[in-house]
Amino acid sequence: MRARRLLGPVAAASLLLVFSGCAAPTAAPAPAATGPVVSFYGDSYTRGTGASANDKRWSTIVSAERGWQEINRSENGLGFVNRRASMGPGLDDIPSQVIADDPDLVFVTMGLNDNFSYDRAADRIRETIDSDLERLREGVPDARIVVVEPFWYTADRPASVDVIAGWVEDAAARIGADHIAGASHWLDGHYADSSDSWMAADGLHPNDTGYAYMAERMDAALRALDPPL
């Protein structure tokens, strides 16, 4: 039997190739969970690339703590615009997969990879942020949607990071979704060139320590929502 619905409001080219091609743990629902169905729409930072196993990625840690049935639809290199046309049938339209999951809760953790297309596709990025979130709201009207500020991975922070984050926040407000701010800074001081790095061997993605910290921050942010998750 499905759990009850969650309460809440209606609710650079080379780098891109690296983000697209890194191996990641396979995505699969946690078989023992019996709670609400939660679908994650994100990039490699939610897929768990760099983690040693699925249960070390932040999404699975958070889901396991809450008994959620996790469906992780995240893909390496994915953005609101990036890779959308090159991922093949189905993967080019992950929002439709999320809608088909009929989830109680949706996480949107997108936008990091769009920084690599910003100079040539800013308008399209902004339009797609709006259209993706509007489709999700219309497709799963009873689900609670949590939109997270796009993650970031280096101390070098192009202006586009904050611009895209602002577009994401504005679009979340328009559909009545919860929004979690500040996630682009969660790994500050622990990037690949830091003396206390929490990044995997590829230098681009968190290791188990990094994902564990992201899970702690996400847990605190979810508990601070109104109503909390």
C-alpha atoms as a PDB file:
ATOM      1  CA  MET A   1       0.000   0.000   0.000  1.00  0.00           C
ATOM      2  CA  ARG A   2       1.243   3.463  -0.837  1.00  0.00           C
ATOM      3  CA  ALA A   3       2.048   5.707   2.083  1.00  0.00           C
ATOM      4  CA  ARG A   4      -0.128   8.763   2.558  1.00  0.00           C
ATOM      5  CA  ARG A   5       0.771  11.951   0.723  1.00  0.00           C
ATOM      6  CA  LEU A   6       3.185  14.278   2.468  1.00  0.00           C
ATOM      7  CA  LEU A   7       1.672  17.403   3.903  1.00  0.00           C
ATOM      8  CA  GLY A   8       3.048  20.716   2.731  1.00  0.00           C
ATOM      9  CA  PRO A   9       2.637  23.556   0.276  1.00  0.00           C
ATOM     10  CA  VAL A  10       1.584  22.853  -3.263  1.00  0.00           C
ATOM     11  CA  ALA A  11       4.342  22.341  -3.215  1.00  0.00           C
ATOM     12  CA  ALA A  12      33.920  24.538 -19.669  1.00  0.00           C
ATOM     13  CA  ALA A  13      33.588  21.958 -22.438  1.00  0.00           C
ATOM     14  CA  SER A  14      36.305  19.692 -21.031  1.00  0.00           C
ATOM     15  CA  LEU A  15      34.889  19.863 -17.579  1.00  0.00           C
ATOM     16  CA  LEU A  16      31.513  18.964 -18.962  1.00  0.00           C
ATOM     17  CA  LEU A  17      32.958  15.861 -20.522  1.00  0.00           C
ATOM     18  CA  VAL A  18      34.449  14.898 -17.186  1.00  0.00           C
ATOM     19  CA  PHE A  19      31.155  15.411 -15.349  1.00  0.00           C
ATOM     20  CA  SER A  20      29.343  13.432 -18.023  1.00  0.00           C
ATOM     21  CA  GLY A  21      31.676  10.475 -18.139  1.00  0.00           C
ATOM     22  CA  CYS A  22      32.521   9.605 -14.545  1.00  0.00           C
ATOM     23  CA  ALA A  23      31.264   6.310 -13.233  1.00  0.00           C
ATOM     24  CA  ALA A  24      28.642   6.375 -10.483  1.00  0.00           C
ATOM     25  CA  PRO A  25      26.838   3.896  -8.318  1.00  0.00           C
ATOM     26  CA  THR A  26      23.737   2.507  -9.968  1.00  0.00           C
ATOM     27  CA  ALA A  27      20.475   4.180  -9.012  1.00  0.00           C
ATOM     28  CA  ALA A  28      17.807   1.979  -7.469  1.00  0.00           C
ATOM     29  CA  PRO A  29      15.038   2.332  -4.884  1.00  0.00           C
ATOM     30  CA  ALA A  30      15.789   1.092  -1.380  1.00  0.00           C
ATOM     31  CA  PRO A  31      13.926  -2.238  -1.243  1.00  0.00           C
ATOM     32  CA  ALA A  32      13.231  -2.214   2.508  1.00  0.00           C
ATOM     33  CA  ALA A  33      11.610   1.228   2.619  1.00  0.00           C
ATOM     34  CA  THR A  34       7.849   1.451   2.985  1.00  0.00           C
ATOM     35  CA  GLY A  35       7.351   5.179   3.456  1.00  0.00           C
ATOM     36  CA  PRO A  36       6.535   7.929   0.949  1.00  0.00           C
ATOM     37  CA  VAL A  37       7.828   7.577  -2.615  1.00  0.00           C
ATOM     38  CA  VAL A  38      10.498  10.208  -3.287  1.00  0.00           C
ATOM     39  CA  SER A  39      11.830  10.929  -6.778  1.00  0.00           C
ATOM     40  CA  PHE A  40      15.148  12.766  -7.197  1.00  0.00           C
ATOM     41  CA  TYR A  41      15.784  14.841 -10.345  1.00  0.00           C
ATOM     42  CA  GLY A  42      19.430  15.898 -10.324  1.00  0.00           C
ATOM     43  CA  ASP A  43      22.947  15.614 -11.678  1.00  0.00           C
ATOM     44  CA  SER A  44      26.027  13.646 -10.589  1.00  0.00           C
ATOM     45  CA  TYR A  45      25.997  15.233  -7.136  1.00  0.00           C
ATOM     46  CA  THR A  46      22.668  13.565  -6.439  1.00  0.00           C
ATOM     47  CA  ARG A  47      23.388  10.403  -8.426  1.00  0.00           C
ATOM     48  CA  GLY A  48      26.319   9.891  -6.054  1.00  0.00           C
ATOM     49  CA  THR A  49      29.262   9.939  -8.437  1.00  0.00           C
ATOM     50  CA  GLY A  50      32.431   9.674  -6.339  1.00  0.00           C
ATOM     51  CA  ALA A  51      30.750   7.741  -3.543  1.00  0.00           C
ATOM     52  CA  SER A  52      31.931   4.222  -2.783  1.00  0.00           C
ATOM     53  CA  ALA A  53      28.374   2.841  -2.841  1.00  0.00           C
ATOM     54  CA  ASN A  54      24.770   3.936  -3.201  1.00  0.00           C
ATOM     55  CA  ASP A  55      24.197   4.092   0.507  1.00  0.00           C
ATOM     56  CA  LYS A  56      26.980   6.674   0.865  1.00  0.00           C
ATOM     57  CA  ARG A  57      25.343   9.316  -1.349  1.00  0.00           C
ATOM     58  CA  TRP A  58      23.439  12.089   0.406  1.00  0.00           C
ATOM     59  CA  SER A  59      20.058  11.272  -1.147  1.00  0.00           C
ATOM     60  CA  THR A  60      20.124   7.688   0.091  1.00  0.00           C
ATOM     61  CA  ILE A  61      21.352   8.661   3.554  1.00  0.00           C
ATOM     62  CA  VAL A  62      18.523  11.160   3.926  1.00  0.00           C
ATOM     63  CA  SER A  63      15.961   8.743   2.501  1.00  0.00           C
ATOM     64  CA  ALA A  64      17.040   5.852   4.726  1.00  0.00           C
ATOM     65  CA  GLU A  65      16.815   8.001   7.844  1.00  0.00           C
ATOM     66  CA  ARG A  66      13.208   8.825   6.977  1.00  0.00           C
ATOM     67  CA  GLY A  67      12.066   5.499   5.579  1.00  0.00           C
ATOM     68  CA  TRP A  68      11.466   7.011   2.155  1.00  0.00           C
ATOM     69  CA  GLN A  69      11.257   4.894  -0.986  1.00  0.00           C
ATOM     70  CA  GLU A  70      13.987   6.571  -3.035  1.00  0.00           C
ATOM     71  CA  ILE A  71      13.828   6.649  -6.827  1.00  0.00           C
ATOM     72  CA  ASN A  72      16.997   8.368  -8.022  1.00  0.00           C
ATOM     73  CA  ARG A  73      16.564   9.718 -11.564  1.00  0.00           C
ATOM     74  CA  SER A  74      19.793  11.757 -11.486  1.00  0.00           C
ATOM     75  CA  GLU A  75      22.335  11.540 -14.320  1.00  0.00           C
ATOM     76  CA  ASN A  76      25.983  12.536 -14.776  1.00  0.00           C
ATOM     77  CA  GLY A  77      26.471  15.819 -16.586  1.00  0.00           C
ATOM     78  CA  LEU A  78      22.773  16.608 -16.664  1.00  0.00           C
ATOM     79  CA  GLY A  79      21.526  20.170 -16.547  1.00  0.00           C
ATOM     80  CA  PHE A  80      18.355  21.991 -17.346  1.00  0.00           C
ATOM     81  CA  VAL A  81      19.961  22.397 -20.790  1.00  0.00           C
ATOM     82  CA  ASN A  82      23.231  20.433 -20.647  1.00  0.00           C
ATOM     83  CA  ARG A  83      23.081  16.917 -22.152  1.00  0.00           C
ATOM     84  CA  ARG A  84      19.337  17.017 -22.547  1.00  0.00           C
ATOM     85  CA  ALA A  85      19.519  16.453 -26.308  1.00  0.00           C
ATOM     86  CA  SER A  86      22.259  13.811 -26.197  1.00  0.00           C
ATOM     87  CA  MET A  87      21.153  11.361 -23.538  1.00  0.00           C
ATOM     88  CA  GLY A  88      18.911   9.177 -25.679  1.00  0.00           C
ATOM     89  CA  PRO A  89      15.235   8.258 -25.463  1.00  0.00           C
ATOM     90  CA  GLY A  90      13.836   8.670 -21.980  1.00  0.00           C
ATOM     91  CA  LEU A  91      16.908  10.210 -20.420  1.00  0.00           C
ATOM     92  CA  ASP A  92      16.388  13.358 -22.471  1.00  0.00           C
ATOM     93  CA  ASP A  93      13.149  13.944 -20.586  1.00  0.00           C
ATOM     94  CA  ILE A  94      13.651  12.899 -17.005  1.00  0.00           C
ATOM     95  CA  PRO A  95      10.813  15.125 -15.740  1.00  0.00           C
ATOM     96  CA  SER A  96       8.409  12.780 -17.539  1.00  0.00           C
ATOM     97  CA  GLN A  97       9.961   9.841 -15.666  1.00  0.00           C
ATOM     98  CA  VAL A  98       9.560  11.665 -12.378  1.00  0.00           C
ATOM     99  CA  ILE A  99       5.910  12.298 -13.152  1.00  0.00           C
ATOM    100  CA  ALA A 100       5.415   8.625 -14.042  1.00  0.00           C
ATOM    101  CA  ASP A 101       6.861   7.678 -10.633  1.00  0.00           C
ATOM    102  CA  ASP A 102       3.746   9.253  -9.071  1.00  0.00           C
ATOM    103  CA  PRO A 103       5.852  10.401  -6.120  1.00  0.00           C
ATOM    104  CA  ASP A 104       4.732  11.871  -2.831  1.00  0.00           C
ATOM    105  CA  LEU A 105       7.816  14.092  -2.811  1.00  0.00           C
ATOM    106  CA  VAL A 106      10.100  15.416  -5.563  1.00  0.00           C
ATOM    107  CA  PHE A 107      13.621  16.806  -5.138  1.00  0.00           C
ATOM    108  CA  VAL A 108      15.056  19.043  -7.878  1.00  0.00           C
ATOM    109  CA  THR A 109      18.837  19.498  -7.495  1.00  0.00           C
ATOM    110  CA  MET A 110      19.782  20.807 -10.918  1.00  0.00           C
ATOM    111  CA  GLY A 111      21.805  23.667 -12.389  1.00  0.00           C
ATOM    112  CA  LEU A 112      25.505  23.006 -11.701  1.00  0.00           C
ATOM    113  CA  ASN A 113      26.287  21.786 -15.226  1.00  0.00           C
ATOM    114  CA  ASP A 114      24.395  24.618 -16.885  1.00  0.00           C
ATOM    115  CA  ASN A 115      27.191  26.973 -15.837  1.00  0.00           C
ATOM    116  CA  PHE A 116      29.253  25.403 -18.628  1.00  0.00           C
ATOM    117  CA  SER A 117      26.630  26.486 -21.196  1.00  0.00           C
ATOM    118  CA  TYR A 118      25.693  29.819 -19.661  1.00  0.00           C
ATOM    119  CA  ASP A 119      27.583  32.070 -22.098  1.00  0.00           C
ATOM    120  CA  ARG A 120      25.775  30.630 -25.107  1.00  0.00           C
ATOM    121  CA  ALA A 121      22.469  29.455 -23.668  1.00  0.00           C
ATOM    122  CA  ALA A 122      21.474  31.678 -20.752  1.00  0.00           C
ATOM    123  CA  ASP A 123      17.996  32.413 -22.081  1.00  0.00           C
ATOM    124  CA  ARG A 124      17.302  28.757 -22.783  1.00  0.00           C
ATOM    125  CA  ILE A 125      18.513  27.749 -19.319  1.00  0.00           C
ATOM    126  CA  ARG A 126      16.131  30.196 -17.670  1.00  0.00           C
ATOM    127  CA  GLU A 127      13.229  29.109 -19.846  1.00  0.00           C
ATOM    128  CA  THR A 128      13.870  25.424 -19.178  1.00  0.00           C
ATOM    129  CA  ILE A 129      14.076  25.936 -15.427  1.00  0.00           C
ATOM    130  CA  ASP A 130      10.608  27.445 -15.586  1.00  0.00           C
ATOM    131  CA  SER A 131       9.190  24.817 -17.916  1.00  0.00           C
ATOM    132  CA  ASP A 132      10.624  21.849 -15.993  1.00  0.00           C
ATOM    133  CA  LEU A 133       9.267  23.049 -12.674  1.00  0.00           C
ATOM    134  CA  GLU A 134       5.896  23.966 -14.160  1.00  0.00           C
ATOM    135  CA  ARG A 135       5.615  20.499 -15.755  1.00  0.00           C
ATOM    136  CA  LEU A 136       6.428  18.820 -12.475  1.00  0.00           C
ATOM    137  CA  ARG A 137       3.851  20.843 -10.604  1.00  0.00           C
ATOM    138  CA  GLU A 138       1.176  20.103 -13.210  1.00  0.00           C
ATOM    139  CA  GLY A 139       2.180  16.439 -13.529  1.00  0.00           C
ATOM    140  CA  VAL A 140       2.222  15.636  -9.803  1.00  0.00           C
ATOM    141  CA  PRO A 141      -0.139  18.223  -8.342  1.00  0.00           C
ATOM    142  CA  ASP A 142      -0.421  16.515  -4.965  1.00  0.00           C
ATOM    143  CA  ALA A 143       3.311  16.000  -4.452  1.00  0.00           C
ATOM    144  CA  ARG A 144       5.450  18.221  -2.309  1.00  0.00           C
ATOM    145  CA  ILE A 145       8.340  19.620  -4.355  1.00  0.00           C
ATOM    146  CA  VAL A 146      11.674  20.612  -2.810  1.00  0.00           C
ATOM    147  CA  VAL A 147      13.942  22.686  -5.044  1.00  0.00           C
ATOM    148  CA  VAL A 148      17.567  22.918  -3.897  1.00  0.00           C
ATOM    149  CA  GLU A 149      20.036  25.650  -4.811  1.00  0.00           C
ATOM    150  CA  PRO A 150      22.432  24.150  -7.387  1.00  0.00           C
ATOM    151  CA  PHE A 151      25.556  22.597  -5.867  1.00  0.00           C
ATOM    152  CA  TRP A 152      29.048  23.854  -6.748  1.00  0.00           C
ATOM    153  CA  TYR A 153      32.487  22.244  -6.665  1.00  0.00           C
ATOM    154  CA  THR A 154      35.389  24.787  -6.750  1.00  0.00           C
ATOM    155  CA  ALA A 155      36.509  27.904  -4.886  1.00  0.00           C
ATOM    156  CA  ASP A 156      36.502  29.645  -8.284  1.00  0.00           C
ATOM    157  CA  ARG A 157      32.897  30.776  -8.521  1.00  0.00           C
ATOM    158  CA  PRO A 158      31.731  32.277 -11.828  1.00  0.00           C
ATOM    159  CA  ALA A 159      28.984  34.881 -11.683  1.00  0.00           C
ATOM    160  CA  SER A 160      26.669  32.454 -13.452  1.00  0.00           C
ATOM    161  CA  VAL A 161      26.466  30.279 -10.325  1.00  0.00           C
ATOM    162  CA  ASP A 162      24.489  32.905  -8.451  1.00  0.00           C
ATOM    163  CA  VAL A 163      22.488  33.932 -11.507  1.00  0.00           C
ATOM    164  CA  ILE A 164      21.283  30.389 -12.133  1.00  0.00           C
ATOM    165  CA  ALA A 165      20.643  29.887  -8.438  1.00  0.00           C
ATOM    166  CA  GLY A 166      18.437  32.972  -8.481  1.00  0.00           C
ATOM    167  CA  TRP A 167      16.470  31.692 -11.454  1.00  0.00           C
ATOM    168  CA  VAL A 168      15.941  28.383  -9.686  1.00  0.00           C
ATOM    169  CA  GLU A 169      14.740  30.077  -6.517  1.00  0.00           C
ATOM    170  CA  ASP A 170      12.338  32.330  -8.429  1.00  0.00           C
ATOM    171  CA  ALA A 171      10.902  29.401 -10.377  1.00  0.00           C
ATOM    172  CA  ALA A 172      10.409  27.422  -7.165  1.00  0.00           C
ATOM    173  CA  ALA A 173       8.436  30.303  -5.680  1.00  0.00           C
ATOM    174  CA  ARG A 174       6.207  30.511  -8.747  1.00  0.00           C
ATOM    175  CA  ILE A 175       5.073  26.897  -8.378  1.00  0.00           C
ATOM    176  CA  GLY A 176       4.744  26.999  -4.604  1.00  0.00           C
ATOM    177  CA  ALA A 177       7.660  24.648  -3.980  1.00  0.00           C
ATOM    178  CA  ASP A 178       9.900  24.544  -0.940  1.00  0.00           C
ATOM    179  CA  HIS A 179      13.335  26.039  -1.604  1.00  0.00           C
ATOM    180  CA  ILE A 180      16.640  25.230   0.114  1.00  0.00           C
ATOM    181  CA  ALA A 181      19.215  28.005  -0.178  1.00  0.00           C
ATOM    182  CA  GLY A 182      22.966  27.924   0.337  1.00  0.00           C
ATOM    183  CA  ALA A 183      23.726  24.458  -1.070  1.00  0.00           C
ATOM    184  CA  SER A 184      26.317  25.862  -3.485  1.00  0.00           C
ATOM    185  CA  HIS A 185      28.469  26.671  -0.432  1.00  0.00           C
ATOM    186  CA  TRP A 186      28.129  23.396   1.472  1.00  0.00           C
ATOM    187  CA  LEU A 187      31.548  22.133   0.323  1.00  0.00           C
ATOM    188  CA  ASP A 188      33.357  25.462   0.767  1.00  0.00           C
ATOM    189  CA  GLY A 189      36.849  24.907   2.174  1.00  0.00           C
ATOM    190  CA  HIS A 190      36.856  21.243   1.168  1.00  0.00           C
ATOM    191  CA  TYR A 191      37.336  21.333  -2.585  1.00  0.00           C
ATOM    192  CA  ALA A 192      39.989  19.349  -4.467  1.00  0.00           C
ATOM    193  CA  ASP A 193      42.745  21.934  -3.908  1.00  0.00           C
ATOM    194  CA  SER A 194      41.968  22.319  -0.208  1.00  0.00           C
ATOM    195  CA  SER A 195      44.217  20.967   2.535  1.00  0.00           C
ATOM    196  CA  ASP A 196      41.105  19.310   3.922  1.00  0.00           C
ATOM    197  CA  SER A 197      39.556  18.020   0.722  1.00  0.00           C
ATOM    198  CA  TRP A 198      36.310  16.055   0.762  1.00  0.00           C
ATOM    199  CA  MET A 199      36.508  15.296  -2.945  1.00  0.00           C
ATOM    200  CA  ALA A 200      36.923  11.942  -4.678  1.00  0.00           C
ATOM    201  CA  ALA A 201      39.994  10.997  -6.719  1.00  0.00           C
ATOM    202  CA  ASP A 202      38.557  12.683  -9.815  1.00  0.00           C
ATOM    203  CA  GLY A 203      38.718  16.047  -8.017  1.00  0.00           C
ATOM    204  CA  LEU A 204      35.212  16.898  -9.226  1.00  0.00           C
ATOM    205  CA  HIS A 205      32.797  15.012  -7.014  1.00  0.00           C
ATOM    206  CA  PRO A 206      32.476  14.501  -3.272  1.00  0.00           C
ATOM    207  CA  ASN A 207      33.851  11.411  -1.584  1.00  0.00           C
ATOM    208  CA  ASP A 208      31.991   9.572   1.150  1.00  0.00           C
ATOM    209  CA  THR A 209      32.952  12.218   3.706  1.00  0.00           C
ATOM    210  CA  GLY A 210      31.668  14.983   1.443  1.00  0.00           C
ATOM    211  CA  TYR A 211      28.383  13.222   0.807  1.00  0.00           C
ATOM    212  CA  ALA A 212      27.924  12.520   4.512  1.00  0.00           C
ATOM    213  CA  TYR A 213      28.331  16.216   5.244  1.00  0.00           C
ATOM    214  CA  MET A 214      25.905  17.111   2.456  1.00  0.00           C
ATOM    215  CA  ALA A 215      23.416  14.718   4.026  1.00  0.00           C
ATOM    216  CA  GLU A 216      23.844  16.466   7.388  1.00  0.00           C
ATOM    217  CA  ARG A 217      23.220  19.854   5.824  1.00  0.00           C
ATOM    218  CA  MET A 218      20.248  18.573   3.849  1.00  0.00           C
ATOM    219  CA  ASP A 219      18.785  16.943   6.929  1.00  0.00           C
ATOM    220  CA  ALA A 220      18.994  20.208   8.869  1.00  0.00           C
ATOM    221  CA  ALA A 221      17.502  22.179   5.970  1.00  0.00           C
ATOM    222  CA  LEU A 222      14.589  19.757   5.635  1.00  0.00           C
ATOM    223  CA  ARG A 223      13.857  19.908   9.330  1.00  0.00           C
ATOM    224  CA  ALA A 224      13.776  23.720   9.087  1.00  0.00           C
ATOM    225  CA  LEU A 225      11.065  23.731   6.416  1.00  0.00           C
ATOM    226  CA  ASP A 226       7.489  24.599   7.287  1.00  0.00           C
ATOM    227  CA  PRO A 227       6.197  21.984   7.793  1.00  0.00           C
ATOM    228  CA  PRO A 228       9.427  20.057   8.350  1.00  0.00           C
ATOM    229  CA  LEU A 229      10.420  16.933   6.443  1.00  0.00           C
END
